[in-house]
Amino acid sequence: MEKRVPFCKKMLDDNEQFMDVCFSKLTLAQEHVFFTKDNYFGRLRPRAKHPAKIHLWGGISMRGATALTIFPGNVRLDSEKYCTNYKRHLSTIQELLFIMDTHV
């Protein structure tokens, strides 16, 4: 986080438009059970030892977004699988950049 603030300030100072950049993010969504502190019976409800979860990946640029990729939670995402997924969407990203370049 410490490096992001100076980077963002520099981009603002340079009037960067990010016209040729695609930002991507991988995140994990996991089912949780919530209850209030005073709800005694809520604490007695059984919870799954391994709650359901999924991995989500997507990208966005100035001209559009990639398709959202959903991986089952039992899939171990290592760098090889991440790069394979990124390359699968690379044509979409390049197409977005090409469309943008032809309309500037």
PDB file of N, CA and C in Angstrom:
ATOM      1  N   MET A   1       0.826  -1.191   0.000  1.00  0.00           N
ATOM      2  CA  MET A   1       0.000   0.000   0.000  1.00  0.00           C
ATOM      3  C   MET A   1       0.871   1.256   0.000  1.00  0.00           C
ATOM      4  N   GLU A   2       2.015   1.170   0.666  1.00  0.00           N
ATOM      5  CA  GLU A   2       2.879   2.345   0.770  1.00  0.00           C
ATOM      6  C   GLU A   2       3.387   2.806  -0.592  1.00  0.00           C
ATOM      7  N   LYS A   3       3.630   1.875  -1.500  1.00  0.00           N
ATOM      8  CA  LYS A   3       4.147   2.231  -2.823  1.00  0.00           C
ATOM      9  C   LYS A   3       3.047   2.703  -3.766  1.00  0.00           C
ATOM     10  N   ARG A   4       1.808   2.320  -3.493  1.00  0.00           N
ATOM     11  CA  ARG A   4       0.707   2.667  -4.397  1.00  0.00           C
ATOM     12  C   ARG A   4       0.377   4.151  -4.371  1.00  0.00           C
ATOM     13  N   VAL A   5       0.412   4.758  -3.204  1.00  0.00           N
ATOM     14  CA  VAL A   5       0.041   6.177  -3.096  1.00  0.00           C
ATOM     15  C   VAL A   5       0.998   7.052  -3.902  1.00  0.00           C
ATOM     16  N   PRO A   6       2.328   6.928  -3.729  1.00  0.00           N
ATOM     17  CA  PRO A   6       3.226   7.743  -4.564  1.00  0.00           C
ATOM     18  C   PRO A   6       3.057   7.466  -6.060  1.00  0.00           C
ATOM     19  N   PHE A   7       2.829   6.191  -6.415  1.00  0.00           N
ATOM     20  CA  PHE A   7       2.616   5.847  -7.817  1.00  0.00           C
ATOM     21  C   PHE A   7       1.388   6.572  -8.357  1.00  0.00           C
ATOM     22  N   CYS A   8       0.289   6.519  -7.619  1.00  0.00           N
ATOM     23  CA  CYS A   8      -0.951   7.166  -8.065  1.00  0.00           C
ATOM     24  C   CYS A   8      -0.782   8.678  -8.163  1.00  0.00           C
ATOM     25  N   LYS A   9      -0.080   9.268  -7.205  1.00  0.00           N
ATOM     26  CA  LYS A   9       0.159  10.719  -7.245  1.00  0.00           C
ATOM     27  C   LYS A   9       0.987  11.090  -8.470  1.00  0.00           C
ATOM     28  N   LYS A  10       1.994  10.257  -8.780  1.00  0.00           N
ATOM     29  CA  LYS A  10       2.816  10.530  -9.969  1.00  0.00           C
ATOM     30  C   LYS A  10       1.972  10.430 -11.238  1.00  0.00           C
ATOM     31  N   MET A  11       1.099   9.429 -11.315  1.00  0.00           N
ATOM     32  CA  MET A  11       0.234   9.277 -12.482  1.00  0.00           C
ATOM     33  C   MET A  11      -0.701  10.481 -12.627  1.00  0.00           C
ATOM     34  N   LEU A  12      -1.215  10.986 -11.523  1.00  0.00           N
ATOM     35  CA  LEU A  12      -2.066  12.183 -11.571  1.00  0.00           C
ATOM     36  C   LEU A  12      -1.267  13.397 -12.031  1.00  0.00           C
ATOM     37  N   ASP A  13      -0.045  13.549 -11.496  1.00  0.00           N
ATOM     38  CA  ASP A  13       0.811  14.671 -11.893  1.00  0.00           C
ATOM     39  C   ASP A  13       1.170  14.611 -13.373  1.00  0.00           C
ATOM     40  N   ASP A  14       1.380  13.387 -13.887  1.00  0.00           N
ATOM     41  CA  ASP A  14       1.746  13.199 -15.297  1.00  0.00           C
ATOM     42  C   ASP A  14       0.531  13.209 -16.223  1.00  0.00           C
ATOM     43  N   ASN A  15      -0.662  13.366 -15.652  1.00  0.00           N
ATOM     44  CA  ASN A  15      -1.909  13.351 -16.410  1.00  0.00           C
ATOM     45  C   ASN A  15      -2.053  12.059 -17.226  1.00  0.00           C
ATOM     46  N   GLU A  16      -1.667  10.948 -16.603  1.00  0.00           N
ATOM     47  CA  GLU A  16      -1.745   9.636 -17.251  1.00  0.00           C
ATOM     48  C   GLU A  16      -3.200   9.253 -17.479  1.00  0.00           C
ATOM     49  N   GLN A  17      -3.515   8.778 -18.681  1.00  0.00           N
ATOM     50  CA  GLN A  17      -4.878   8.391 -19.030  1.00  0.00           C
ATOM     51  C   GLN A  17      -5.077   6.872 -19.045  1.00  0.00           C
ATOM     52  N   PHE A  18      -3.979   6.097 -18.933  1.00  0.00           N
ATOM     53  CA  PHE A  18      -4.040   4.633 -18.941  1.00  0.00           C
ATOM     54  C   PHE A  18      -4.760   4.105 -20.179  1.00  0.00           C
ATOM     55  N   MET A  19      -4.509   4.712 -21.318  1.00  0.00           N
ATOM     56  CA  MET A  19      -5.178   4.317 -22.555  1.00  0.00           C
ATOM     57  C   MET A  19      -4.721   2.947 -23.063  1.00  0.00           C
ATOM     58  N   ASP A  20      -3.525   2.504 -22.682  1.00  0.00           N
ATOM     59  CA  ASP A  20      -3.012   1.225 -23.175  1.00  0.00           C
ATOM     60  C   ASP A  20      -2.768   0.231 -22.038  1.00  0.00           C
ATOM     61  N   VAL A  21      -3.577   0.324 -20.993  1.00  0.00           N
ATOM     62  CA  VAL A  21      -3.395  -0.523 -19.814  1.00  0.00           C
ATOM     63  C   VAL A  21      -4.668  -1.316 -19.542  1.00  0.00           C
ATOM     64  N   CYS A  22      -4.495  -2.572 -19.187  1.00  0.00           N
ATOM     65  CA  CYS A  22      -5.622  -3.397 -18.740  1.00  0.00           C
ATOM     66  C   CYS A  22      -5.319  -3.838 -17.310  1.00  0.00           C
ATOM     67  N   PHE A  23      -6.151  -3.431 -16.384  1.00  0.00           N
ATOM     68  CA  PHE A  23      -6.000  -3.821 -14.989  1.00  0.00           C
ATOM     69  C   PHE A  23      -6.734  -5.137 -14.772  1.00  0.00           C
ATOM     70  N   SER A  24      -6.088  -6.092 -14.101  1.00  0.00           N
ATOM     71  CA  SER A  24      -6.749  -7.369 -13.821  1.00  0.00           C
ATOM     72  C   SER A  24      -6.647  -7.680 -12.337  1.00  0.00           C
ATOM     73  N   LYS A  25      -7.566  -8.511 -11.870  1.00  0.00           N
ATOM     74  CA  LYS A  25      -7.619  -8.845 -10.444  1.00  0.00           C
ATOM     75  C   LYS A  25      -8.118 -10.269 -10.273  1.00  0.00           C
ATOM     76  N   LEU A  26      -7.491 -10.987  -9.377  1.00  0.00           N
ATOM     77  CA  LEU A  26      -7.932 -12.315  -8.975  1.00  0.00           C
ATOM     78  C   LEU A  26      -8.352 -12.219  -7.519  1.00  0.00           C
ATOM     79  N   THR A  27      -9.529 -12.726  -7.190  1.00  0.00           N
ATOM     80  CA  THR A  27     -10.009 -12.671  -5.812  1.00  0.00           C
ATOM     81  C   THR A  27     -10.708 -13.974  -5.448  1.00  0.00           C
ATOM     82  N   LEU A  28     -10.854 -14.194  -4.166  1.00  0.00           N
ATOM     83  CA  LEU A  28     -11.509 -15.391  -3.649  1.00  0.00           C
ATOM     84  C   LEU A  28     -12.801 -14.986  -2.959  1.00  0.00           C
ATOM     85  N   ALA A  29     -13.885 -15.630  -3.327  1.00  0.00           N
ATOM     86  CA  ALA A  29     -15.172 -15.404  -2.659  1.00  0.00           C
ATOM     87  C   ALA A  29     -15.498 -16.668  -1.872  1.00  0.00           C
ATOM     88  N   GLN A  30     -15.803 -16.475  -0.587  1.00  0.00           N
ATOM     89  CA  GLN A  30     -16.047 -17.620   0.284  1.00  0.00           C
ATOM     90  C   GLN A  30     -17.306 -17.393   1.093  1.00  0.00           C
ATOM     91  N   GLU A  31     -18.092 -18.445   1.238  1.00  0.00           N
ATOM     92  CA  GLU A  31     -19.331 -18.351   2.005  1.00  0.00           C
ATOM     93  C   GLU A  31     -19.013 -18.330   3.500  1.00  0.00           C
ATOM     94  N   HIS A  32     -19.586 -17.361   4.205  1.00  0.00           N
ATOM     95  CA  HIS A  32     -19.412 -17.248   5.656  1.00  0.00           C
ATOM     96  C   HIS A  32     -20.776 -17.238   6.323  1.00  0.00           C
ATOM     97  N   VAL A  33     -20.791 -17.569   7.581  1.00  0.00           N
ATOM     98  CA  VAL A  33     -22.015 -17.500   8.371  1.00  0.00           C
ATOM     99  C   VAL A  33     -21.841 -16.387   9.391  1.00  0.00           C
ATOM    100  N   PHE A  34     -22.788 -15.450   9.423  1.00  0.00           N
ATOM    101  CA  PHE A  34     -22.727 -14.338  10.361  1.00  0.00           C
ATOM    102  C   PHE A  34     -23.889 -14.426  11.333  1.00  0.00           C
ATOM    103  N   PHE A  35     -23.656 -14.025  12.537  1.00  0.00           N
ATOM    104  CA  PHE A  35     -24.717 -13.955  13.538  1.00  0.00           C
ATOM    105  C   PHE A  35     -24.377 -12.856  14.524  1.00  0.00           C
ATOM    106  N   THR A  36     -25.370 -12.382  15.245  1.00  0.00           N
ATOM    107  CA  THR A  36     -25.134 -11.312  16.215  1.00  0.00           C
ATOM    108  C   THR A  36     -24.561 -11.886  17.502  1.00  0.00           C
ATOM    109  N   LYS A  37     -23.910 -11.046  18.256  1.00  0.00           N
ATOM    110  CA  LYS A  37     -23.275 -11.460  19.498  1.00  0.00           C
ATOM    111  C   LYS A  37     -24.288 -12.028  20.498  1.00  0.00           C
ATOM    112  N   ASP A  38     -25.490 -11.480  20.499  1.00  0.00           N
ATOM    113  CA  ASP A  38     -26.513 -11.900  21.455  1.00  0.00           C
ATOM    114  C   ASP A  38     -27.328 -13.105  20.991  1.00  0.00           C
ATOM    115  N   ASN A  39     -27.083 -13.609  19.801  1.00  0.00           N
ATOM    116  CA  ASN A  39     -27.855 -14.732  19.270  1.00  0.00           C
ATOM    117  C   ASN A  39     -27.180 -16.048  19.671  1.00  0.00           C
ATOM    118  N   TYR A  40     -27.566 -16.568  20.828  1.00  0.00           N
ATOM    119  CA  TYR A  40     -26.954 -17.790  21.348  1.00  0.00           C
ATOM    120  C   TYR A  40     -27.159 -18.973  20.405  1.00  0.00           C
ATOM    121  N   PHE A  41     -28.358 -19.108  19.866  1.00  0.00           N
ATOM    122  CA  PHE A  41     -28.657 -20.247  19.006  1.00  0.00           C
ATOM    123  C   PHE A  41     -27.903 -20.176  17.684  1.00  0.00           C
ATOM    124  N   GLY A  42     -27.571 -18.971  17.236  1.00  0.00           N
ATOM    125  CA  GLY A  42     -26.789 -18.823  16.015  1.00  0.00           C
ATOM    126  C   GLY A  42     -25.426 -19.469  16.154  1.00  0.00           C
ATOM    127  N   ARG A  43     -24.879 -19.437  17.356  1.00  0.00           N
ATOM    128  CA  ARG A  43     -23.570 -20.033  17.597  1.00  0.00           C
ATOM    129  C   ARG A  43     -23.625 -21.558  17.595  1.00  0.00           C
ATOM    130  N   LEU A  44     -24.802 -22.100  17.847  1.00  0.00           N
ATOM    131  CA  LEU A  44     -24.930 -23.552  17.915  1.00  0.00           C
ATOM    132  C   LEU A  44     -25.176 -24.193  16.556  1.00  0.00           C
ATOM    133  N   ARG A  45     -25.440 -23.382  15.544  1.00  0.00           N
ATOM    134  CA  ARG A  45     -25.681 -23.936  14.204  1.00  0.00           C
ATOM    135  C   ARG A  45     -24.391 -24.552  13.662  1.00  0.00           C
ATOM    136  N   PRO A  46     -24.498 -25.708  13.043  1.00  0.00           N
ATOM    137  CA  PRO A  46     -23.288 -26.298  12.469  1.00  0.00           C
ATOM    138  C   PRO A  46     -22.815 -25.485  11.264  1.00  0.00           C
ATOM    139  N   ARG A  47     -21.516 -25.404  11.130  1.00  0.00           N
ATOM    140  CA  ARG A  47     -20.929 -24.724   9.970  1.00  0.00           C
ATOM    141  C   ARG A  47     -20.059 -25.721   9.214  1.00  0.00           C
ATOM    142  N   ALA A  48     -19.974 -25.521   7.941  1.00  0.00           N
ATOM    143  CA  ALA A  48     -19.167 -26.423   7.116  1.00  0.00           C
ATOM    144  C   ALA A  48     -17.699 -26.306   7.502  1.00  0.00           C
ATOM    145  N   LYS A  49     -17.028 -27.434   7.558  1.00  0.00           N
ATOM    146  CA  LYS A  49     -15.600 -27.422   7.869  1.00  0.00           C
ATOM    147  C   LYS A  49     -14.821 -26.732   6.751  1.00  0.00           C
ATOM    148  N   HIS A  50     -15.265 -26.966   5.524  1.00  0.00           N
ATOM    149  CA  HIS A  50     -14.645 -26.327   4.360  1.00  0.00           C
ATOM    150  C   HIS A  50     -15.753 -25.611   3.587  1.00  0.00           C
ATOM    151  N   PRO A  51     -15.993 -24.334   3.894  1.00  0.00           N
ATOM    152  CA  PRO A  51     -17.103 -23.623   3.241  1.00  0.00           C
ATOM    153  C   PRO A  51     -16.886 -23.485   1.734  1.00  0.00           C
ATOM    154  N   ALA A  52     -17.996 -23.340   1.022  1.00  0.00           N
ATOM    155  CA  ALA A  52     -17.940 -23.183  -0.435  1.00  0.00           C
ATOM    156  C   ALA A  52     -17.156 -21.929  -0.801  1.00  0.00           C
ATOM    157  N   LYS A  53     -16.347 -22.015  -1.852  1.00  0.00           N
ATOM    158  CA  LYS A  53     -15.594 -20.848  -2.307  1.00  0.00           C
ATOM    159  C   LYS A  53     -15.327 -20.961  -3.802  1.00  0.00           C
ATOM    160  N   ILE A  54     -15.115 -19.810  -4.416  1.00  0.00           N
ATOM    161  CA  ILE A  54     -14.763 -19.738  -5.833  1.00  0.00           C
ATOM    162  C   ILE A  54     -13.718 -18.646  -6.019  1.00  0.00           C
ATOM    163  N   HIS A  55     -12.904 -18.795  -7.047  1.00  0.00           N
ATOM    164  CA  HIS A  55     -11.940 -17.773  -7.435  1.00  0.00           C
ATOM    165  C   HIS A  55     -12.528 -17.018  -8.624  1.00  0.00           C
ATOM    166  N   LEU A  56     -12.411 -15.706  -8.618  1.00  0.00           N
ATOM    167  CA  LEU A  56     -12.920 -14.865  -9.706  1.00  0.00           C
ATOM    168  C   LEU A  56     -11.768 -14.068 -10.297  1.00  0.00           C
ATOM    169  N   TRP A  57     -11.695 -14.000 -11.638  1.00  0.00           N
ATOM    170  CA  TRP A  57     -10.678 -13.202 -12.314  1.00  0.00           C
ATOM    171  C   TRP A  57     -11.349 -12.380 -13.398  1.00  0.00           C
ATOM    172  N   GLY A  58     -10.936 -11.126 -13.490  1.00  0.00           N
ATOM    173  CA  GLY A  58     -11.436 -10.256 -14.542  1.00  0.00           C
ATOM    174  C   GLY A  58     -10.466  -9.123 -14.800  1.00  0.00           C
ATOM    175  N   GLY A  59     -10.663  -8.452 -15.915  1.00  0.00           N
ATOM    176  CA  GLY A  59      -9.824  -7.318 -16.272  1.00  0.00           C
ATOM    177  C   GLY A  59     -10.669  -6.206 -16.848  1.00  0.00           C
ATOM    178  N   ILE A  60     -10.157  -4.986 -16.735  1.00  0.00           N
ATOM    179  CA  ILE A  60     -10.882  -3.830 -17.260  1.00  0.00           C
ATOM    180  C   ILE A  60      -9.881  -2.812 -17.794  1.00  0.00           C
ATOM    181  N   SER A  61     -10.276  -2.154 -18.868  1.00  0.00           N
ATOM    182  CA  SER A  61      -9.448  -1.100 -19.453  1.00  0.00           C
ATOM    183  C   SER A  61     -10.338   0.095 -19.756  1.00  0.00           C
ATOM    184  N   MET A  62      -9.757   1.118 -20.360  1.00  0.00           N
ATOM    185  CA  MET A  62     -10.525   2.321 -20.709  1.00  0.00           C
ATOM    186  C   MET A  62     -11.651   2.005 -21.693  1.00  0.00           C
ATOM    187  N   ARG A  63     -11.505   0.953 -22.481  1.00  0.00           N
ATOM    188  CA  ARG A  63     -12.471   0.662 -23.542  1.00  0.00           C
ATOM    189  C   ARG A  63     -13.355  -0.551 -23.294  1.00  0.00           C
ATOM    190  N   GLY A  64     -13.227  -1.189 -22.153  1.00  0.00           N
ATOM    191  CA  GLY A  64     -14.089  -2.332 -21.898  1.00  0.00           C
ATOM    192  C   GLY A  64     -13.486  -3.308 -20.916  1.00  0.00           C
ATOM    193  N   ALA A  65     -14.175  -4.422 -20.750  1.00  0.00           N
ATOM    194  CA  ALA A  65     -13.772  -5.418 -19.765  1.00  0.00           C
ATOM    195  C   ALA A  65     -13.564  -6.772 -20.421  1.00  0.00           C
ATOM    196  N   THR A  66     -12.751  -7.599 -19.791  1.00  0.00           N
ATOM    197  CA  THR A  66     -12.599  -8.980 -20.222  1.00  0.00           C
ATOM    198  C   THR A  66     -13.796  -9.767 -19.700  1.00  0.00           C
ATOM    199  N   ALA A  67     -13.917 -10.981 -20.151  1.00  0.00           N
ATOM    200  CA  ALA A  67     -14.933 -11.870 -19.583  1.00  0.00           C
ATOM    201  C   ALA A  67     -14.511 -12.229 -18.161  1.00  0.00           C
ATOM    202  N   LEU A  68     -15.474 -12.462 -17.304  1.00  0.00           N
ATOM    203  CA  LEU A  68     -15.191 -12.887 -15.941  1.00  0.00           C
ATOM    204  C   LEU A  68     -14.941 -14.390 -15.950  1.00  0.00           C
ATOM    205  N   THR A  69     -13.826 -14.803 -15.381  1.00  0.00           N
ATOM    206  CA  THR A  69     -13.500 -16.219 -15.290  1.00  0.00           C
ATOM    207  C   THR A  69     -13.767 -16.686 -13.868  1.00  0.00           C
ATOM    208  N   ILE A  70     -14.459 -17.804 -13.745  1.00  0.00           N
ATOM    209  CA  ILE A  70     -14.776 -18.368 -12.435  1.00  0.00           C
ATOM    210  C   ILE A  70     -14.103 -19.730 -12.326  1.00  0.00           C
ATOM    211  N   PHE A  71     -13.247 -19.875 -11.309  1.00  0.00           N
ATOM    212  CA  PHE A  71     -12.587 -21.143 -11.035  1.00  0.00           C
ATOM    213  C   PHE A  71     -13.225 -21.758  -9.796  1.00  0.00           C
ATOM    214  N   PRO A  72     -13.477 -23.068  -9.797  1.00  0.00           N
ATOM    215  CA  PRO A  72     -13.986 -23.708  -8.578  1.00  0.00           C
ATOM    216  C   PRO A  72     -12.983 -23.532  -7.435  1.00  0.00           C
ATOM    217  N   GLY A  73     -13.486 -23.494  -6.229  1.00  0.00           N
ATOM    218  CA  GLY A  73     -12.626 -23.283  -5.067  1.00  0.00           C
ATOM    219  C   GLY A  73     -11.618 -24.388  -4.840  1.00  0.00           C
ATOM    220  N   ASN A  74     -11.890 -25.593  -5.363  1.00  0.00           N
ATOM    221  CA  ASN A  74     -10.951 -26.695  -5.154  1.00  0.00           C
ATOM    222  C   ASN A  74      -9.782 -26.659  -6.141  1.00  0.00           C
ATOM    223  N   VAL A  75      -9.780 -25.732  -7.084  1.00  0.00           N
ATOM    224  CA  VAL A  75      -8.680 -25.593  -8.040  1.00  0.00           C
ATOM    225  C   VAL A  75      -7.561 -24.791  -7.381  1.00  0.00           C
ATOM    226  N   ARG A  76      -6.364 -25.363  -7.373  1.00  0.00           N
ATOM    227  CA  ARG A  76      -5.211 -24.648  -6.817  1.00  0.00           C
ATOM    228  C   ARG A  76      -4.643 -23.765  -7.924  1.00  0.00           C
ATOM    229  N   LEU A  77      -4.743 -22.455  -7.735  1.00  0.00           N
ATOM    230  CA  LEU A  77      -4.280 -21.520  -8.763  1.00  0.00           C
ATOM    231  C   LEU A  77      -2.815 -21.172  -8.527  1.00  0.00           C
ATOM    232  N   ASP A  78      -1.951 -21.772  -9.310  1.00  0.00           N
ATOM    233  CA  ASP A  78      -0.542 -21.423  -9.254  1.00  0.00           C
ATOM    234  C   ASP A  78      -0.239 -20.455 -10.399  1.00  0.00           C
ATOM    235  N   SER A  79       1.003 -20.041 -10.519  1.00  0.00           N
ATOM    236  CA  SER A  79       1.363 -19.048 -11.537  1.00  0.00           C
ATOM    237  C   SER A  79       1.111 -19.576 -12.950  1.00  0.00           C
ATOM    238  N   GLU A  80       1.290 -20.874 -13.155  1.00  0.00           N
ATOM    239  CA  GLU A  80       1.072 -21.443 -14.490  1.00  0.00           C
ATOM    240  C   GLU A  80      -0.399 -21.319 -14.906  1.00  0.00           C
ATOM    241  N   LYS A  81      -1.305 -21.680 -14.010  1.00  0.00           N
ATOM    242  CA  LYS A  81      -2.734 -21.577 -14.328  1.00  0.00           C
ATOM    243  C   LYS A  81      -3.149 -20.119 -14.495  1.00  0.00           C
ATOM    244  N   TYR A  82      -2.589 -19.232 -13.663  1.00  0.00           N
ATOM    245  CA  TYR A  82      -2.921 -17.813 -13.774  1.00  0.00           C
ATOM    246  C   TYR A  82      -2.483 -17.280 -15.141  1.00  0.00           C
ATOM    247  N   CYS A  83      -1.259 -17.601 -15.552  1.00  0.00           N
ATOM    248  CA  CYS A  83      -0.749 -17.125 -16.846  1.00  0.00           C
ATOM    249  C   CYS A  83      -1.531 -17.731 -18.011  1.00  0.00           C
ATOM    250  N   THR A  84      -1.916 -19.004 -17.899  1.00  0.00           N
ATOM    251  CA  THR A  84      -2.724 -19.639 -18.944  1.00  0.00           C
ATOM    252  C   THR A  84      -4.042 -18.900 -19.113  1.00  0.00           C
ATOM    253  N   ASN A  85      -4.680 -18.564 -18.003  1.00  0.00           N
ATOM    254  CA  ASN A  85      -5.938 -17.820 -18.055  1.00  0.00           C
ATOM    255  C   ASN A  85      -5.720 -16.437 -18.661  1.00  0.00           C
ATOM    256  N   TYR A  86      -4.640 -15.769 -18.257  1.00  0.00           N
ATOM    257  CA  TYR A  86      -4.348 -14.434 -18.775  1.00  0.00           C
ATOM    258  C   TYR A  86      -4.141 -14.484 -20.291  1.00  0.00           C
ATOM    259  N   LYS A  87      -3.382 -15.470 -20.753  1.00  0.00           N
ATOM    260  CA  LYS A  87      -3.133 -15.605 -22.194  1.00  0.00           C
ATOM    261  C   LYS A  87      -4.423 -15.902 -22.953  1.00  0.00           C
ATOM    262  N   ARG A  88      -5.321 -16.668 -22.317  1.00  0.00           N
ATOM    263  CA  ARG A  88      -6.608 -16.970 -22.953  1.00  0.00           C
ATOM    264  C   ARG A  88      -7.409 -15.697 -23.198  1.00  0.00           C
ATOM    265  N   HIS A  89      -7.267 -14.731 -22.313  1.00  0.00           N
ATOM    266  CA  HIS A  89      -7.999 -13.473 -22.449  1.00  0.00           C
ATOM    267  C   HIS A  89      -7.178 -12.394 -23.152  1.00  0.00           C
ATOM    268  N   LEU A  90      -5.932 -12.695 -23.475  1.00  0.00           N
ATOM    269  CA  LEU A  90      -5.053 -11.692 -24.080  1.00  0.00           C
ATOM    270  C   LEU A  90      -5.598 -11.177 -25.404  1.00  0.00           C
ATOM    271  N   SER A  91      -6.210 -12.043 -26.205  1.00  0.00           N
ATOM    272  CA  SER A  91      -6.749 -11.583 -27.487  1.00  0.00           C
ATOM    273  C   SER A  91      -7.852 -10.551 -27.261  1.00  0.00           C
ATOM    274  N   THR A  92      -8.680 -10.744 -26.230  1.00  0.00           N
ATOM    275  CA  THR A  92      -9.718  -9.758 -25.906  1.00  0.00           C
ATOM    276  C   THR A  92      -9.082  -8.445 -25.498  1.00  0.00           C
ATOM    277  N   ILE A  93      -8.043  -8.531 -24.659  1.00  0.00           N
ATOM    278  CA  ILE A  93      -7.354  -7.327 -24.192  1.00  0.00           C
ATOM    279  C   ILE A  93      -6.717  -6.607 -25.373  1.00  0.00           C
ATOM    280  N   GLN A  94      -6.031  -7.361 -26.251  1.00  0.00           N
ATOM    281  CA  GLN A  94      -5.397  -6.745 -27.419  1.00  0.00           C
ATOM    282  C   GLN A  94      -6.438  -6.143 -28.346  1.00  0.00           C
ATOM    283  N   GLU A  95      -7.571  -6.806 -28.492  1.00  0.00           N
ATOM    284  CA  GLU A  95      -8.645  -6.281 -29.334  1.00  0.00           C
ATOM    285  C   GLU A  95      -9.163  -4.963 -28.768  1.00  0.00           C
ATOM    286  N   LEU A  96      -9.325  -4.896 -27.454  1.00  0.00           N
ATOM    287  CA  LEU A  96      -9.771  -3.651 -26.823  1.00  0.00           C
ATOM    288  C   LEU A  96      -8.774  -2.531 -27.093  1.00  0.00           C
ATOM    289  N   LEU A  97      -7.478  -2.866 -26.975  1.00  0.00           N
ATOM    290  CA  LEU A  97      -6.455  -1.846 -27.209  1.00  0.00           C
ATOM    291  C   LEU A  97      -6.422  -1.450 -28.678  1.00  0.00           C
ATOM    292  N   PHE A  98      -6.585  -2.415 -29.592  1.00  0.00           N
ATOM    293  CA  PHE A  98      -6.585  -2.116 -31.017  1.00  0.00           C
ATOM    294  C   PHE A  98      -7.769  -1.220 -31.370  1.00  0.00           C
ATOM    295  N   ILE A  99      -8.945  -1.554 -30.871  1.00  0.00           N
ATOM    296  CA  ILE A  99     -10.128  -0.728 -31.129  1.00  0.00           C
ATOM    297  C   ILE A  99      -9.893   0.683 -30.618  1.00  0.00           C
ATOM    298  N   MET A 100      -9.298   0.775 -29.434  1.00  0.00           N
ATOM    299  CA  MET A 100      -9.037   2.082 -28.855  1.00  0.00           C
ATOM    300  C   MET A 100      -8.049   2.860 -29.737  1.00  0.00           C
ATOM    301  N   ASP A 101      -6.983   2.193 -30.193  1.00  0.00           N
ATOM    302  CA  ASP A 101      -5.966   2.872 -30.989  1.00  0.00           C
ATOM    303  C   ASP A 101      -6.519   3.369 -32.324  1.00  0.00           C
ATOM    304  N   THR A 102      -7.463   2.662 -32.905  1.00  0.00           N
ATOM    305  CA  THR A 102      -7.991   3.073 -34.200  1.00  0.00           C
ATOM    306  C   THR A 102      -8.998   4.209 -34.085  1.00  0.00           C
ATOM    307  N   HIS A 103      -9.499   4.465 -32.893  1.00  0.00           N
ATOM    308  CA  HIS A 103     -10.488   5.523 -32.704  1.00  0.00           C
ATOM    309  C   HIS A 103      -9.928   6.758 -32.015  1.00  0.00           C
ATOM    310  N   VAL A 104      -8.618   6.806 -31.824  1.00  0.00           N
ATOM    311  CA  VAL A 104      -8.018   7.971 -31.151  1.00  0.00           C
ATOM    312  C   VAL A 104      -7.730   9.045 -32.171  1.00  0.00           C
TER     313      VAL A 104
END
